Every structure is written in C-alpha cells, then in structure tokens.
C-alpha cells in the first residue's frame, strides 16, 4: 500500500505535460491561422511554370520538322526515280 501514491503523482505529471503540449500546439496553430489571414491571397489563375503553354497539339520542334522534311524529299526523289524507270521501259 505504501507504493500506491507514486503512480498517481507520475500520472498527474504526464497529464500536465500533455496539457502543456496541447497548449503549445494550439498557440502554434493560432499563430499559423493569423499569419495565413494576414497574407495576401494567392492568384489562382496564374502559374509561372505553365505560362505561355497552349492546350492541344503542340508545334513540332525545329529539329523534328527538318527530319520529316528530309524524309519527305527523299521519298519524293525515290518515287520520281521509280517513275522515270517505269517510263523508260
């Protein structure tokens, strides 16, 4: 029976510590709320990362356009050669 008083004291200390932590958290939350309410509102329709982008199909880069043009010219040249061979025979 002599040891019965000790756990009650430690429990009270734990409860006090818990309540102190809760107070600190609430103070931190109140500070955050105040800071957010004082801050200027963020623009919702502006994002610098996607500025200038257009929705839908994008224009091909220059290097890709050049590649397809070269392929097209080579294909046309091969077709012309084939037509010339057919006309000669």
Protein backbone atom coordinates (compact mmCIF):
# COMPACT_ATOMS: atom_id res chain seq x y z
CA UNK A 1 0.00 0.00 0.00
CA UNK A 2 2.93 2.38 0.50
CA UNK A 3 3.74 2.45 -3.24
CA UNK A 4 0.23 3.43 -4.19
CA UNK A 5 0.82 7.20 -4.07
CA UNK A 6 3.67 7.23 -6.57
CA UNK A 7 1.81 6.19 -9.75
CA UNK A 8 -0.81 8.88 -9.13
CA UNK A 9 1.88 11.57 -8.97
CA UNK A 10 3.54 10.35 -12.18
CA UNK A 11 0.15 10.19 -13.88
CA UNK A 12 -0.55 13.80 -12.87
CA UNK A 13 2.86 14.83 -14.22
CA UNK A 14 2.12 13.09 -17.52
CA UNK A 15 -1.28 14.77 -17.74
CA UNK A 16 0.25 18.19 -17.02
CA UNK A 17 2.92 17.60 -19.66
CA UNK A 18 0.24 16.52 -22.14
CA UNK A 19 -1.85 19.60 -21.41
CA UNK A 20 1.23 21.82 -21.81
CA UNK A 21 1.96 20.23 -25.19
CA UNK A 22 -1.67 20.78 -26.24
CA UNK A 23 -1.41 24.47 -25.25
CA UNK A 24 1.80 24.84 -27.25
CA UNK A 25 0.20 23.18 -30.26
CA UNK A 26 -2.86 25.41 -30.03
CA UNK A 27 -0.66 28.51 -29.78
CA UNK A 28 1.27 27.36 -32.86
CA UNK A 29 -1.98 26.73 -34.74
CA UNK A 30 -3.33 30.18 -33.77
CA UNK A 31 -0.10 31.78 -34.98
CA UNK A 32 -0.38 29.93 -38.29
CA UNK A 33 -4.02 30.98 -38.71
CA UNK A 34 -3.10 34.62 -38.01
CA UNK A 35 -0.19 34.52 -40.47
CA UNK A 36 -2.39 33.00 -43.18
CA UNK A 37 -5.18 35.52 -42.66
CA UNK A 38 -2.72 38.44 -42.91
CA UNK A 39 -1.02 37.12 -46.04
CA UNK A 40 -2.09 38.35 -49.46
CA UNK A 41 -4.35 35.96 -51.34
CA UNK A 42 -2.62 33.77 -53.87
CA UNK A 43 -3.62 34.19 -57.50
CA UNK A 44 -5.48 31.08 -58.59
CA UNK A 45 -5.33 31.66 -62.34
CA UNK A 46 -1.59 32.32 -62.69
CA UNK A 47 1.15 29.71 -62.65
CA UNK A 48 4.60 30.79 -63.89
CA UNK A 49 5.55 27.18 -64.66
CA UNK A 50 2.91 26.82 -67.35
CA UNK A 51 2.83 30.40 -68.62
CA UNK A 52 2.77 30.53 -72.39
CA UNK A 53 1.70 26.91 -72.86
CA UNK A 54 -1.18 26.21 -75.19
CA UNK A 55 -3.62 23.36 -74.75
CA UNK A 56 -3.91 20.82 -77.54
CA UNK A 57 -1.41 19.51 -80.06
CA UNK A 58 1.93 21.26 -79.87
CA UNK A 59 4.02 22.50 -82.75
CA UNK A 60 6.89 20.20 -83.68
CA UNK A 61 10.38 21.33 -82.70
CA UNK A 62 12.64 22.59 -85.47
CA UNK A 63 14.92 19.54 -85.47
CA UNK A 64 11.95 17.20 -85.85
CA UNK A 65 10.43 19.31 -88.62
CA UNK A 66 13.74 19.23 -90.53
CA UNK A 67 13.96 15.45 -90.16
CA UNK A 68 10.45 14.91 -91.57
CA UNK A 69 11.12 17.32 -94.45
CA UNK A 70 14.31 15.42 -95.37
CA UNK A 71 12.41 12.13 -95.25
CA UNK A 72 9.68 13.59 -97.44
CA UNK A 73 12.20 14.86 -100.02
CA UNK A 74 13.98 11.50 -100.06
CA UNK A 75 10.66 9.69 -100.56
CA UNK A 76 9.67 12.06 -103.39
CA UNK A 77 13.07 11.60 -105.04
CA UNK A 78 12.72 7.80 -104.81
CA UNK A 79 9.23 7.98 -106.33
CA UNK A 80 10.50 10.18 -109.20
CA UNK A 81 13.31 7.71 -109.91
CA UNK A 82 10.82 4.85 -109.90
CA UNK A 83 8.51 6.71 -112.29
CA UNK A 84 11.44 7.51 -114.63
CA UNK A 85 12.46 3.83 -114.67
CA UNK A 86 8.87 2.80 -115.48
CA UNK A 87 8.67 5.36 -118.33
CA UNK A 88 11.97 4.16 -119.82
CA UNK A 89 10.82 0.58 -120.05
